[in-house]
């Protein structure tokens, strides 16, 4: 609610400062939003159907709190392989969290998804060379592990 309030206040401030620029900016924003909306809806439907078809017990077994390291490993492997935009990943993580997946596992998943790219490795290899691509992905993986454990500490999911 806080962010919505701040956004409305800033939008009104902009509107009163320069009405034409604000309207032009809103039109551009609407056009960009309209362009991604169909893809967003399709991805959201696919993710929702997939999660519906996967039994909640299966999700808890592989990603749940019983074996955090196993769950984190699976999530980070999937995150390293998958190619998904952030606007799909974060709602997906919200759904997974509601099903009992720990924050630590979700953190590892999202961080590897954004920072490690096994699917994009051939493209990186072509542009940067194999050594640089592997170093970048390796550093991304190390950072993902650190972020996941830090998240686990913050949310008291890991013994301190």
N, C-alpha and C. Protein backbone atom coordinates (compact mmCIF):
# COMPACT_ATOMS: atom_id res chain seq x y z
N UNK A 1 0.83 -1.19 0.00
CA UNK A 1 0.00 0.00 0.00
C UNK A 1 0.87 1.25 0.00
N UNK A 2 1.99 1.18 0.71
CA UNK A 2 2.91 2.32 0.80
C UNK A 2 3.41 2.72 -0.59
N UNK A 3 3.85 1.72 -1.37
CA UNK A 3 4.40 2.02 -2.69
C UNK A 3 3.34 2.57 -3.64
N UNK A 4 2.12 2.07 -3.53
CA UNK A 4 1.04 2.59 -4.36
C UNK A 4 0.79 4.06 -4.02
N UNK A 5 0.79 4.38 -2.74
CA UNK A 5 0.56 5.76 -2.31
C UNK A 5 1.66 6.68 -2.83
N UNK A 6 2.90 6.25 -2.67
CA UNK A 6 4.03 7.05 -3.15
C UNK A 6 3.94 7.23 -4.66
N UNK A 7 3.59 6.18 -5.38
CA UNK A 7 3.47 6.25 -6.83
C UNK A 7 2.40 7.25 -7.24
N UNK A 8 1.25 7.21 -6.59
CA UNK A 8 0.17 8.14 -6.92
C UNK A 8 0.60 9.57 -6.63
N UNK A 9 1.24 9.79 -5.49
CA UNK A 9 1.70 11.14 -5.14
C UNK A 9 2.70 11.65 -6.17
N UNK A 10 3.66 10.80 -6.55
CA UNK A 10 4.66 11.22 -7.54
C UNK A 10 4.03 11.45 -8.92
N UNK A 11 3.08 10.61 -9.27
CA UNK A 11 2.39 10.79 -10.55
C UNK A 11 1.62 12.11 -10.57
N UNK A 12 0.93 12.41 -9.50
CA UNK A 12 0.20 13.68 -9.42
C UNK A 12 1.15 14.87 -9.45
N UNK A 13 2.27 14.76 -8.76
CA UNK A 13 3.28 15.81 -8.76
C UNK A 13 3.78 16.05 -10.17
N UNK A 14 4.08 14.97 -10.87
CA UNK A 14 4.54 15.06 -12.26
C UNK A 14 3.46 15.68 -13.14
N UNK A 15 2.23 15.27 -12.94
CA UNK A 15 1.11 15.77 -13.74
C UNK A 15 0.96 17.28 -13.59
N UNK A 16 1.05 17.76 -12.35
CA UNK A 16 0.89 19.19 -12.12
C UNK A 16 2.12 19.98 -12.57
N UNK A 17 3.30 19.34 -12.56
CA UNK A 17 4.52 20.02 -13.01
C UNK A 17 4.54 20.16 -14.53
N UNK A 18 4.18 19.09 -15.24
CA UNK A 18 4.17 19.14 -16.71
C UNK A 18 3.16 18.12 -17.23
N UNK A 19 1.98 18.60 -17.47
CA UNK A 19 0.86 17.75 -17.86
C UNK A 19 1.14 16.98 -19.15
N UNK A 20 1.71 17.64 -20.17
CA UNK A 20 1.95 17.00 -21.47
C UNK A 20 2.96 15.86 -21.35
N UNK A 21 4.06 16.12 -20.65
CA UNK A 21 5.09 15.07 -20.49
C UNK A 21 4.54 13.87 -19.72
N UNK A 22 3.76 14.13 -18.71
CA UNK A 22 3.20 13.04 -17.90
C UNK A 22 2.24 12.20 -18.73
N UNK A 23 1.39 12.84 -19.50
CA UNK A 23 0.45 12.09 -20.35
C UNK A 23 1.21 11.30 -21.41
N UNK A 24 2.25 11.90 -21.99
CA UNK A 24 3.07 11.19 -22.98
C UNK A 24 3.75 9.98 -22.32
N UNK A 25 4.27 10.17 -21.13
CA UNK A 25 4.93 9.06 -20.41
C UNK A 25 3.93 7.95 -20.08
N UNK A 26 2.73 8.31 -19.68
CA UNK A 26 1.70 7.30 -19.39
C UNK A 26 1.31 6.54 -20.65
N UNK A 27 1.25 7.23 -21.80
CA UNK A 27 0.95 6.54 -23.06
C UNK A 27 2.05 5.55 -23.43
N UNK A 28 3.29 5.96 -23.25
CA UNK A 28 4.42 5.06 -23.53
C UNK A 28 4.38 3.85 -22.60
N UNK A 29 4.12 4.12 -21.32
CA UNK A 29 4.05 3.03 -20.34
C UNK A 29 2.92 2.06 -20.69
N UNK A 30 1.78 2.59 -21.09
CA UNK A 30 0.64 1.74 -21.45
C UNK A 30 0.97 0.89 -22.67
N UNK A 31 1.64 1.49 -23.66
CA UNK A 31 2.03 0.74 -24.86
C UNK A 31 2.98 -0.40 -24.51
N UNK A 32 3.97 -0.12 -23.68
CA UNK A 32 4.93 -1.16 -23.28
C UNK A 32 4.22 -2.25 -22.47
N UNK A 33 3.35 -1.85 -21.57
CA UNK A 33 2.59 -2.81 -20.77
C UNK A 33 1.70 -3.67 -21.67
N UNK A 34 1.05 -3.04 -22.64
CA UNK A 34 0.18 -3.77 -23.57
C UNK A 34 0.97 -4.79 -24.39
N UNK A 35 2.22 -4.46 -24.72
CA UNK A 35 3.05 -5.38 -25.49
C UNK A 35 3.43 -6.64 -24.71
N UNK A 36 3.70 -6.48 -23.41
CA UNK A 36 4.11 -7.66 -22.63
C UNK A 36 2.93 -8.39 -22.00
N UNK A 37 1.77 -7.77 -21.97
CA UNK A 37 0.62 -8.37 -21.31
C UNK A 37 0.24 -9.74 -21.87
N UNK A 38 0.14 -9.93 -23.19
CA UNK A 38 -0.21 -11.27 -23.69
C UNK A 38 0.79 -12.34 -23.27
N UNK A 39 2.09 -12.03 -23.36
CA UNK A 39 3.11 -12.98 -22.96
C UNK A 39 3.03 -13.26 -21.46
N UNK A 40 2.78 -12.22 -20.69
CA UNK A 40 2.65 -12.36 -19.24
C UNK A 40 1.49 -13.28 -18.89
N UNK A 41 0.36 -13.09 -19.54
CA UNK A 41 -0.82 -13.90 -19.26
C UNK A 41 -0.57 -15.36 -19.64
N UNK A 42 0.03 -15.58 -20.80
CA UNK A 42 0.32 -16.95 -21.24
C UNK A 42 1.27 -17.64 -20.25
N UNK A 43 2.35 -16.95 -19.88
CA UNK A 43 3.32 -17.53 -18.93
C UNK A 43 2.66 -17.80 -17.58
N UNK A 44 1.84 -16.86 -17.13
CA UNK A 44 1.17 -17.04 -15.84
C UNK A 44 0.22 -18.22 -15.87
N UNK A 45 -0.50 -18.39 -16.97
CA UNK A 45 -1.40 -19.53 -17.12
C UNK A 45 -0.61 -20.84 -17.13
N UNK A 46 0.48 -20.88 -17.90
CA UNK A 46 1.31 -22.08 -17.96
C UNK A 46 1.89 -22.44 -16.59
N UNK A 47 2.38 -21.45 -15.89
CA UNK A 47 2.94 -21.68 -14.56
C UNK A 47 1.85 -22.15 -13.61
N UNK A 48 0.70 -21.51 -13.66
CA UNK A 48 -0.41 -21.89 -12.77
C UNK A 48 -0.89 -23.31 -13.04
N UNK A 49 -1.03 -23.65 -14.31
CA UNK A 49 -1.46 -25.01 -14.67
C UNK A 49 -0.42 -26.03 -14.22
N UNK A 50 0.85 -25.71 -14.44
CA UNK A 50 1.93 -26.62 -14.01
C UNK A 50 1.89 -26.84 -12.50
N UNK A 51 1.74 -25.75 -11.77
CA UNK A 51 1.70 -25.88 -10.31
C UNK A 51 0.45 -26.61 -9.85
N UNK A 52 -0.65 -26.45 -10.57
CA UNK A 52 -1.88 -27.15 -10.23
C UNK A 52 -1.71 -28.65 -10.44
N UNK A 53 -1.04 -29.02 -11.53
CA UNK A 53 -0.87 -30.43 -11.86
C UNK A 53 0.16 -31.12 -10.97
N UNK A 54 1.12 -30.36 -10.46
CA UNK A 54 2.10 -30.94 -9.53
C UNK A 54 1.47 -31.03 -8.15
N UNK A 55 1.45 -32.21 -7.56
CA UNK A 55 0.90 -32.32 -6.21
C UNK A 55 1.71 -31.49 -5.21
N UNK A 56 1.00 -30.86 -4.30
CA UNK A 56 1.65 -30.01 -3.30
C UNK A 56 2.64 -30.82 -2.46
N UNK A 57 2.33 -32.09 -2.22
CA UNK A 57 3.23 -32.94 -1.45
C UNK A 57 4.55 -33.13 -2.18
N UNK A 58 4.50 -33.23 -3.51
CA UNK A 58 5.71 -33.39 -4.30
C UNK A 58 6.57 -32.13 -4.22
N UNK A 59 5.95 -30.99 -4.30
CA UNK A 59 6.67 -29.72 -4.19
C UNK A 59 7.32 -29.62 -2.81
N UNK A 60 6.56 -29.95 -1.77
CA UNK A 60 7.12 -29.90 -0.41
C UNK A 60 8.25 -30.90 -0.22
N UNK A 61 8.10 -32.08 -0.84
CA UNK A 61 9.13 -33.12 -0.69
C UNK A 61 10.46 -32.68 -1.29
N UNK A 62 10.41 -32.10 -2.47
CA UNK A 62 11.65 -31.74 -3.17
C UNK A 62 12.14 -30.33 -2.88
N UNK A 63 11.26 -29.44 -2.52
CA UNK A 63 11.67 -28.05 -2.27
C UNK A 63 11.37 -27.59 -0.86
N UNK A 64 10.82 -28.46 -0.03
CA UNK A 64 10.37 -28.06 1.29
C UNK A 64 11.45 -27.96 2.33
N UNK A 65 11.03 -27.83 3.56
CA UNK A 65 11.92 -27.55 4.68
C UNK A 65 12.64 -28.78 5.25
N UNK A 66 12.22 -29.99 4.86
CA UNK A 66 12.84 -31.17 5.45
C UNK A 66 14.31 -31.27 5.11
N UNK A 67 14.68 -31.03 3.86
CA UNK A 67 16.08 -31.06 3.45
C UNK A 67 16.35 -29.79 2.65
N UNK A 68 16.75 -28.73 3.37
CA UNK A 68 16.95 -27.43 2.74
C UNK A 68 18.04 -27.48 1.66
N UNK A 69 19.11 -28.21 1.91
CA UNK A 69 20.19 -28.27 0.93
C UNK A 69 19.74 -28.95 -0.35
N UNK A 70 18.97 -30.03 -0.22
CA UNK A 70 18.44 -30.70 -1.41
C UNK A 70 17.49 -29.77 -2.17
N UNK A 71 16.60 -29.13 -1.44
CA UNK A 71 15.66 -28.20 -2.06
C UNK A 71 16.36 -27.05 -2.74
N UNK A 72 17.37 -26.51 -2.05
CA UNK A 72 18.11 -25.40 -2.63
C UNK A 72 18.87 -25.85 -3.87
N UNK A 73 19.46 -27.04 -3.82
CA UNK A 73 20.19 -27.57 -4.97
C UNK A 73 19.29 -27.77 -6.18
N UNK A 74 18.13 -28.35 -5.96
CA UNK A 74 17.18 -28.57 -7.06
C UNK A 74 16.71 -27.23 -7.62
N UNK A 75 16.36 -26.31 -6.73
CA UNK A 75 15.88 -24.99 -7.17
C UNK A 75 16.96 -24.24 -7.94
N UNK A 76 18.20 -24.34 -7.47
CA UNK A 76 19.28 -23.63 -8.15
C UNK A 76 19.61 -24.28 -9.49
N UNK A 77 19.48 -25.57 -9.58
CA UNK A 77 19.70 -26.26 -10.86
C UNK A 77 18.63 -25.83 -11.87
N UNK A 78 17.38 -25.85 -11.43
CA UNK A 78 16.29 -25.41 -12.31
C UNK A 78 16.46 -23.95 -12.69
N UNK A 79 16.84 -23.12 -11.72
CA UNK A 79 17.06 -21.70 -11.99
C UNK A 79 18.19 -21.46 -12.97
N UNK A 80 19.22 -22.29 -12.91
CA UNK A 80 20.36 -22.15 -13.82
C UNK A 80 20.00 -22.54 -15.25
N UNK A 81 19.06 -23.46 -15.38
CA UNK A 81 18.69 -23.96 -16.70
C UNK A 81 17.54 -23.17 -17.31
N UNK A 82 16.58 -22.79 -16.50
CA UNK A 82 15.36 -22.14 -17.00
C UNK A 82 15.67 -20.75 -17.58
N UNK A 83 14.84 -20.34 -18.47
CA UNK A 83 14.95 -19.02 -19.08
C UNK A 83 13.59 -18.36 -18.94
N UNK A 84 13.43 -17.55 -17.89
CA UNK A 84 12.14 -16.96 -17.56
C UNK A 84 12.32 -15.50 -17.19
N UNK A 85 11.43 -14.63 -17.64
CA UNK A 85 11.54 -13.22 -17.25
C UNK A 85 11.15 -13.01 -15.79
N UNK A 86 11.74 -11.98 -15.19
CA UNK A 86 11.49 -11.68 -13.78
C UNK A 86 10.03 -11.46 -13.44
N UNK A 87 9.27 -10.88 -14.37
CA UNK A 87 7.87 -10.60 -14.06
C UNK A 87 7.04 -11.87 -13.97
N UNK A 88 7.59 -13.00 -14.39
CA UNK A 88 6.93 -14.29 -14.20
C UNK A 88 7.47 -14.98 -12.96
N UNK A 89 8.77 -14.84 -12.75
CA UNK A 89 9.44 -15.55 -11.65
C UNK A 89 8.92 -15.12 -10.29
N UNK A 90 8.75 -13.84 -10.08
CA UNK A 90 8.38 -13.37 -8.75
C UNK A 90 6.96 -13.77 -8.35
N UNK A 91 5.98 -13.68 -9.25
CA UNK A 91 4.66 -14.24 -8.88
C UNK A 91 4.72 -15.76 -8.65
N UNK A 92 5.54 -16.44 -9.46
CA UNK A 92 5.72 -17.88 -9.27
C UNK A 92 6.26 -18.18 -7.89
N UNK A 93 7.24 -17.41 -7.45
CA UNK A 93 7.80 -17.60 -6.12
C UNK A 93 6.77 -17.33 -5.02
N UNK A 94 5.89 -16.38 -5.26
CA UNK A 94 4.82 -16.13 -4.30
C UNK A 94 3.90 -17.34 -4.18
N UNK A 95 3.60 -17.96 -5.30
CA UNK A 95 2.75 -19.16 -5.29
C UNK A 95 3.47 -20.30 -4.58
N UNK A 96 4.76 -20.48 -4.90
CA UNK A 96 5.55 -21.54 -4.25
C UNK A 96 5.67 -21.30 -2.75
N UNK A 97 5.81 -20.05 -2.36
CA UNK A 97 5.91 -19.73 -0.92
C UNK A 97 4.62 -20.12 -0.20
N UNK A 98 3.49 -19.86 -0.84
CA UNK A 98 2.20 -20.24 -0.25
C UNK A 98 2.08 -21.75 -0.08
N UNK A 99 2.83 -22.50 -0.91
CA UNK A 99 2.81 -23.96 -0.82
C UNK A 99 3.86 -24.50 0.14
N UNK A 100 4.55 -23.61 0.84
CA UNK A 100 5.47 -24.05 1.88
C UNK A 100 6.93 -24.11 1.50
N UNK A 101 7.29 -23.59 0.33
CA UNK A 101 8.70 -23.59 -0.06
C UNK A 101 9.42 -22.49 0.74
N UNK A 102 10.53 -22.83 1.39
CA UNK A 102 11.25 -21.85 2.22
C UNK A 102 11.83 -20.70 1.41
N UNK A 103 11.99 -19.56 2.08
CA UNK A 103 12.58 -18.39 1.44
C UNK A 103 13.98 -18.67 0.90
N UNK A 104 14.74 -19.46 1.61
CA UNK A 104 16.10 -19.79 1.22
C UNK A 104 16.12 -20.48 -0.15
N UNK A 105 15.21 -21.40 -0.35
CA UNK A 105 15.12 -22.13 -1.61
C UNK A 105 14.67 -21.18 -2.72
N UNK A 106 13.69 -20.35 -2.43
CA UNK A 106 13.20 -19.38 -3.43
C UNK A 106 14.29 -18.38 -3.80
N UNK A 107 15.07 -17.98 -2.81
CA UNK A 107 16.16 -17.05 -3.05
C UNK A 107 17.21 -17.66 -3.97
N UNK A 108 17.57 -18.91 -3.72
CA UNK A 108 18.53 -19.60 -4.59
C UNK A 108 18.00 -19.73 -6.00
N UNK A 109 16.71 -20.04 -6.12
CA UNK A 109 16.08 -20.20 -7.43
C UNK A 109 16.11 -18.90 -8.21
N UNK A 110 15.63 -17.80 -7.60
CA UNK A 110 15.56 -16.53 -8.33
C UNK A 110 16.95 -15.98 -8.65
N UNK A 111 17.88 -16.14 -7.73
CA UNK A 111 19.22 -15.60 -7.98
C UNK A 111 19.91 -16.34 -9.11
N UNK A 112 19.82 -17.67 -9.13
CA UNK A 112 20.43 -18.40 -10.24
C UNK A 112 19.70 -18.11 -11.55
N UNK A 113 18.40 -17.94 -11.47
CA UNK A 113 17.63 -17.64 -12.67
C UNK A 113 18.10 -16.34 -13.31
N UNK A 114 18.43 -15.37 -12.48
CA UNK A 114 18.85 -14.06 -12.99
C UNK A 114 20.35 -14.00 -13.30
N UNK A 115 21.16 -14.83 -12.62
CA UNK A 115 22.61 -14.66 -12.73
C UNK A 115 23.36 -15.80 -13.41
N UNK A 116 22.75 -16.97 -13.54
CA UNK A 116 23.42 -18.12 -14.13
C UNK A 116 22.61 -18.53 -15.35
N UNK A 117 23.29 -18.78 -16.44
CA UNK A 117 22.56 -19.11 -17.66
C UNK A 117 23.18 -20.26 -18.43
N UNK A 118 22.79 -21.47 -18.11
CA UNK A 118 23.30 -22.61 -18.87
C UNK A 118 22.72 -22.64 -20.28
N UNK A 119 21.48 -22.18 -20.42
CA UNK A 119 20.85 -22.16 -21.73
C UNK A 119 21.52 -21.11 -22.63
N UNK A 120 21.94 -20.02 -22.03
CA UNK A 120 22.55 -18.94 -22.80
C UNK A 120 24.07 -19.08 -22.91
N UNK A 121 24.63 -20.14 -22.37
CA UNK A 121 26.08 -20.33 -22.39
C UNK A 121 26.67 -20.32 -23.80
N UNK A 122 26.04 -20.95 -24.80
CA UNK A 122 26.61 -20.89 -26.16
C UNK A 122 26.71 -19.45 -26.70
N UNK A 123 25.73 -18.62 -26.40
CA UNK A 123 25.77 -17.23 -26.85
C UNK A 123 26.88 -16.48 -26.14
N UNK A 124 26.99 -16.68 -24.82
CA UNK A 124 28.06 -16.05 -24.06
C UNK A 124 29.42 -16.50 -24.56
N UNK A 125 29.54 -17.78 -24.85
CA UNK A 125 30.79 -18.32 -25.37
C UNK A 125 31.18 -17.63 -26.67
N UNK A 126 30.21 -17.44 -27.55
CA UNK A 126 30.48 -16.80 -28.84
C UNK A 126 30.93 -15.35 -28.69
N UNK A 127 30.35 -14.62 -27.73
CA UNK A 127 30.68 -13.21 -27.57
C UNK A 127 31.87 -12.96 -26.65
N UNK A 128 31.97 -13.74 -25.57
CA UNK A 128 32.98 -13.45 -24.56
C UNK A 128 34.10 -14.49 -24.49
N UNK A 129 33.87 -15.64 -25.09
CA UNK A 129 34.82 -16.75 -24.96
C UNK A 129 34.37 -17.68 -23.84
N UNK A 130 34.78 -18.94 -23.95
CA UNK A 130 34.33 -19.95 -22.99
C UNK A 130 34.83 -19.65 -21.57
N UNK A 131 36.08 -19.24 -21.44
CA UNK A 131 36.65 -18.98 -20.11
C UNK A 131 35.86 -17.89 -19.38
N UNK A 132 35.61 -16.78 -20.06
CA UNK A 132 34.87 -15.67 -19.44
C UNK A 132 33.44 -16.09 -19.12
N UNK A 133 32.80 -16.82 -20.02
CA UNK A 133 31.42 -17.26 -19.79
C UNK A 133 31.35 -18.18 -18.58
N UNK A 134 32.30 -19.10 -18.46
CA UNK A 134 32.31 -20.02 -17.30
C UNK A 134 32.61 -19.28 -16.01
N UNK A 135 33.54 -18.33 -16.06
CA UNK A 135 33.86 -17.54 -14.86
C UNK A 135 32.64 -16.74 -14.42
N UNK A 136 31.96 -16.09 -15.37
CA UNK A 136 30.77 -15.30 -15.03
C UNK A 136 29.68 -16.17 -14.42
N UNK A 137 29.43 -17.32 -15.02
CA UNK A 137 28.41 -18.23 -14.49
C UNK A 137 28.84 -18.80 -13.13
N UNK A 138 30.11 -19.12 -12.99
CA UNK A 138 30.60 -19.63 -11.70
C UNK A 138 30.47 -18.61 -10.58
N UNK A 139 30.83 -17.36 -10.88
CA UNK A 139 30.68 -16.29 -9.89
C UNK A 139 29.21 -16.08 -9.57
N UNK A 140 28.35 -16.12 -10.59
CA UNK A 140 26.91 -16.00 -10.37
C UNK A 140 26.39 -17.10 -9.46
N UNK A 141 26.89 -18.32 -9.65
CA UNK A 141 26.47 -19.44 -8.80
C UNK A 141 26.94 -19.26 -7.36
N UNK A 142 28.16 -18.82 -7.19
CA UNK A 142 28.70 -18.57 -5.83
C UNK A 142 27.88 -17.48 -5.14
N UNK A 143 27.59 -16.41 -5.86
CA UNK A 143 26.77 -15.33 -5.29
C UNK A 143 25.38 -15.85 -4.93
N UNK A 144 24.81 -16.70 -5.76
CA UNK A 144 23.48 -17.26 -5.49
C UNK A 144 23.49 -18.09 -4.21
N UNK A 145 24.53 -18.88 -4.00
CA UNK A 145 24.63 -19.68 -2.78
C UNK A 145 24.73 -18.76 -1.56
N UNK A 146 25.57 -17.73 -1.66
CA UNK A 146 25.73 -16.78 -0.55
C UNK A 146 24.41 -16.07 -0.25
N UNK A 147 23.73 -15.61 -1.29
CA UNK A 147 22.45 -14.91 -1.11
C UNK A 147 21.42 -15.86 -0.49
N UNK A 148 21.38 -17.10 -0.95
CA UNK A 148 20.41 -18.07 -0.42
C UNK A 148 20.67 -18.33 1.07
N UNK A 149 21.93 -18.53 1.44
CA UNK A 149 22.22 -18.77 2.86
C UNK A 149 21.96 -17.53 3.70
N UNK A 150 22.27 -16.35 3.17
CA UNK A 150 21.97 -15.12 3.90
C UNK A 150 20.46 -14.97 4.10
N UNK A 151 19.69 -15.30 3.09
CA UNK A 151 18.24 -15.27 3.20
C UNK A 151 17.77 -16.26 4.26
N UNK A 152 18.36 -17.45 4.25
CA UNK A 152 18.02 -18.46 5.26
C UNK A 152 18.32 -17.98 6.67
N UNK A 153 19.42 -17.25 6.83
CA UNK A 153 19.75 -16.70 8.15
C UNK A 153 18.76 -15.61 8.56
N UNK A 154 18.44 -14.73 7.63
CA UNK A 154 17.52 -13.62 7.94
C UNK A 154 16.15 -14.14 8.35
N UNK A 155 15.67 -15.18 7.67
CA UNK A 155 14.35 -15.74 7.97
C UNK A 155 14.41 -16.91 8.93
N UNK A 156 15.55 -17.08 9.58
CA UNK A 156 15.75 -18.13 10.60
C UNK A 156 15.40 -19.52 10.08
N UNK A 157 15.76 -19.78 8.83
CA UNK A 157 15.55 -21.11 8.26
C UNK A 157 16.80 -21.97 8.41
N UNK A 158 17.91 -21.32 8.69
CA UNK A 158 19.18 -22.01 8.90
C UNK A 158 19.58 -21.80 10.34
N UNK A 159 20.09 -22.86 10.97
CA UNK A 159 20.53 -22.70 12.36
C UNK A 159 21.67 -21.69 12.41
N UNK A 160 21.60 -20.77 13.35
CA UNK A 160 22.63 -19.71 13.45
C UNK A 160 23.79 -20.13 14.32
